[in-house]
Amino acid sequence: MRGDHEQFVKGETQVLAVSVDHIWAHKAYAKSLGDLPFPLLADWDKAVARRYGVLNEERGVAQRSLFLIDYRGYIRWRNPHYDWRSQEQYAAMTEAMLALPMIPRAKASQPNPPPQTKKASP
């Protein structure tokens, strides 16, 4: 996903990564990759992973997962066991991303028609 980030930008898709690891681990991970073009958010109390059903409570770790959430906050696609090495899974996610509803844009306003003048009666 890191290498294709521009594709997501063009698709008006905001990529966010969430991890239950400590922020120092985030910084080391991002640095090892040459930085990330998207935010890596900390889920320190594991509330997000728990809420999305991907937290292994016994081990205190989250399953690597992918969720596509539309602009209204609805989960439109999910893979709670995402394998980043799988081209098939990546293709399925990309297809689902392209099918997300877009944020409605205000229609370009039409110029006001010129005011109509009444003909003067003779």
Protein backbone atom coordinates (compact mmCIF):
# COMPACT_ATOMS: atom_id res chain seq x y z
CA MET A 1 0.00 0.00 0.00
CA ARG A 2 2.89 2.29 0.68
CA GLY A 3 4.11 2.11 -2.92
CA ASP A 4 0.63 2.69 -4.36
CA HIS A 5 -0.32 5.54 -2.06
CA GLU A 6 -0.71 7.94 -4.99
CA GLN A 7 -3.47 5.68 -6.38
CA PHE A 8 -5.42 6.15 -3.16
CA VAL A 9 -4.87 9.90 -3.23
CA LYS A 10 -6.22 10.03 -6.80
CA GLY A 11 -9.21 7.95 -5.66
CA GLU A 12 -9.81 10.52 -2.91
CA THR A 13 -9.20 7.83 -0.30
CA GLN A 14 -7.56 8.67 3.01
CA VAL A 15 -5.26 5.89 4.22
CA LEU A 16 -4.78 5.56 7.97
CA ALA A 17 -2.85 2.83 9.73
CA VAL A 18 -3.69 1.91 13.31
CA SER A 19 -1.43 -0.12 15.57
CA VAL A 20 -1.60 -1.26 19.19
CA ASP A 21 2.19 -0.96 19.44
CA HIS A 22 3.91 1.81 21.33
CA ILE A 23 4.53 5.08 19.48
CA TRP A 24 8.30 4.46 19.64
CA ALA A 25 7.76 1.18 17.78
CA HIS A 26 5.73 3.14 15.20
CA LYS A 27 8.57 5.55 14.64
CA ALA A 28 11.12 2.76 14.26
CA TYR A 29 8.82 0.86 11.87
CA ALA A 30 8.16 3.92 9.71
CA LYS A 31 11.86 4.76 9.66
CA SER A 32 12.76 1.20 8.62
CA LEU A 33 10.46 1.64 5.61
CA GLY A 34 11.84 5.04 4.72
CA ASP A 35 8.83 6.74 6.31
CA LEU A 36 5.18 6.30 5.44
CA PRO A 37 3.08 8.53 3.19
CA PHE A 38 0.11 8.13 5.53
CA PRO A 39 -0.44 8.50 9.28
CA LEU A 40 0.25 5.60 11.65
CA LEU A 41 -2.11 6.05 14.59
CA ALA A 42 -1.64 4.60 18.08
CA ASP A 43 -4.39 2.45 19.59
CA TRP A 44 -2.62 2.37 22.93
CA ASP A 45 -5.63 1.16 24.93
CA LYS A 46 -6.56 -1.29 22.14
CA ALA A 47 -10.11 0.11 22.01
CA VAL A 48 -10.17 0.42 18.21
CA ALA A 49 -8.86 -3.11 17.61
CA ARG A 50 -11.34 -4.45 20.16
CA ARG A 51 -14.26 -2.55 18.62
CA TYR A 52 -13.42 -3.79 15.12
CA GLY A 53 -13.13 -7.37 16.39
CA VAL A 54 -9.46 -7.90 15.50
CA LEU A 55 -7.84 -7.92 18.94
CA ASN A 56 -6.37 -11.15 20.30
CA GLU A 57 -7.13 -10.48 23.98
CA GLU A 58 -4.86 -13.27 25.26
CA ARG A 59 -1.78 -11.97 23.46
CA GLY A 60 -2.74 -8.28 23.50
CA VAL A 61 -2.06 -7.92 19.77
CA ALA A 62 -4.25 -7.01 16.84
CA GLN A 63 -4.65 -9.15 13.75
CA ARG A 64 -3.37 -7.37 10.62
CA SER A 65 -6.62 -6.22 9.06
CA LEU A 66 -7.98 -3.85 6.44
CA PHE A 67 -11.23 -1.93 6.55
CA LEU A 68 -12.70 0.41 3.97
CA ILE A 69 -14.96 2.97 5.59
CA ASP A 70 -17.01 5.35 3.49
CA TYR A 71 -17.29 9.08 4.07
CA ARG A 72 -20.38 8.54 6.26
CA GLY A 73 -18.55 6.13 8.57
CA TYR A 74 -20.00 2.85 7.26
CA ILE A 75 -17.71 -0.15 6.90
CA ARG A 76 -18.04 -1.07 3.21
CA TRP A 77 -15.39 -3.80 3.02
CA ARG A 78 -13.33 -5.71 5.52
CA ASN A 79 -10.63 -8.33 5.66
CA PRO A 80 -9.85 -9.13 9.31
CA HIS A 81 -6.94 -11.41 8.29
CA TYR A 82 -5.24 -9.31 5.64
CA ASP A 83 -2.02 -10.70 4.17
CA TRP A 84 -0.08 -7.82 2.63
CA ARG A 85 1.90 -10.28 0.48
CA SER A 86 -1.24 -11.57 -1.26
CA GLN A 87 -1.76 -9.93 -4.65
CA GLU A 88 -5.26 -11.43 -4.73
CA GLN A 89 -6.26 -9.80 -1.44
CA TYR A 90 -4.72 -6.50 -2.51
CA ALA A 91 -6.62 -6.60 -5.81
CA ALA A 92 -9.89 -7.32 -3.96
CA MET A 93 -9.29 -4.36 -1.65
CA THR A 94 -8.42 -2.06 -4.56
CA GLU A 95 -11.56 -3.07 -6.43
CA ALA A 96 -13.67 -2.44 -3.32
CA MET A 97 -11.96 0.94 -2.79
CA LEU A 98 -12.79 2.03 -6.33
CA ALA A 99 -16.44 1.09 -5.72
CA LEU A 100 -16.78 3.24 -2.58
CA PRO A 101 -19.38 5.98 -2.83
CA MET A 102 -17.80 9.35 -3.39
CA ILE A 103 -18.47 12.40 -1.27
CA PRO A 104 -21.21 14.33 -3.05
CA ARG A 105 -19.95 17.54 -4.56
CA ALA A 106 -22.01 20.68 -4.72
CA LYS A 107 -23.15 21.25 -8.26
CA ALA A 108 -21.55 24.19 -9.95
CA SER A 109 -23.90 27.07 -9.61
CA GLN A 110 -25.51 28.21 -12.79
CA PRO A 111 -25.18 31.89 -13.54
CA ASN A 112 -28.37 33.72 -12.75
CA PRO A 113 -30.42 34.43 -15.83
CA PRO A 114 -30.62 38.10 -16.66
CA PRO A 115 -33.59 39.78 -15.04
CA GLN A 116 -36.57 39.94 -17.30
CA THR A 117 -37.82 43.38 -18.02
CA LYS A 118 -41.42 44.11 -18.65
CA LYS A 119 -42.28 45.90 -21.80
CA ALA A 120 -43.77 49.20 -21.14
CA SER A 121 -47.35 49.45 -22.37
CA PRO A 122 -48.03 52.22 -24.79
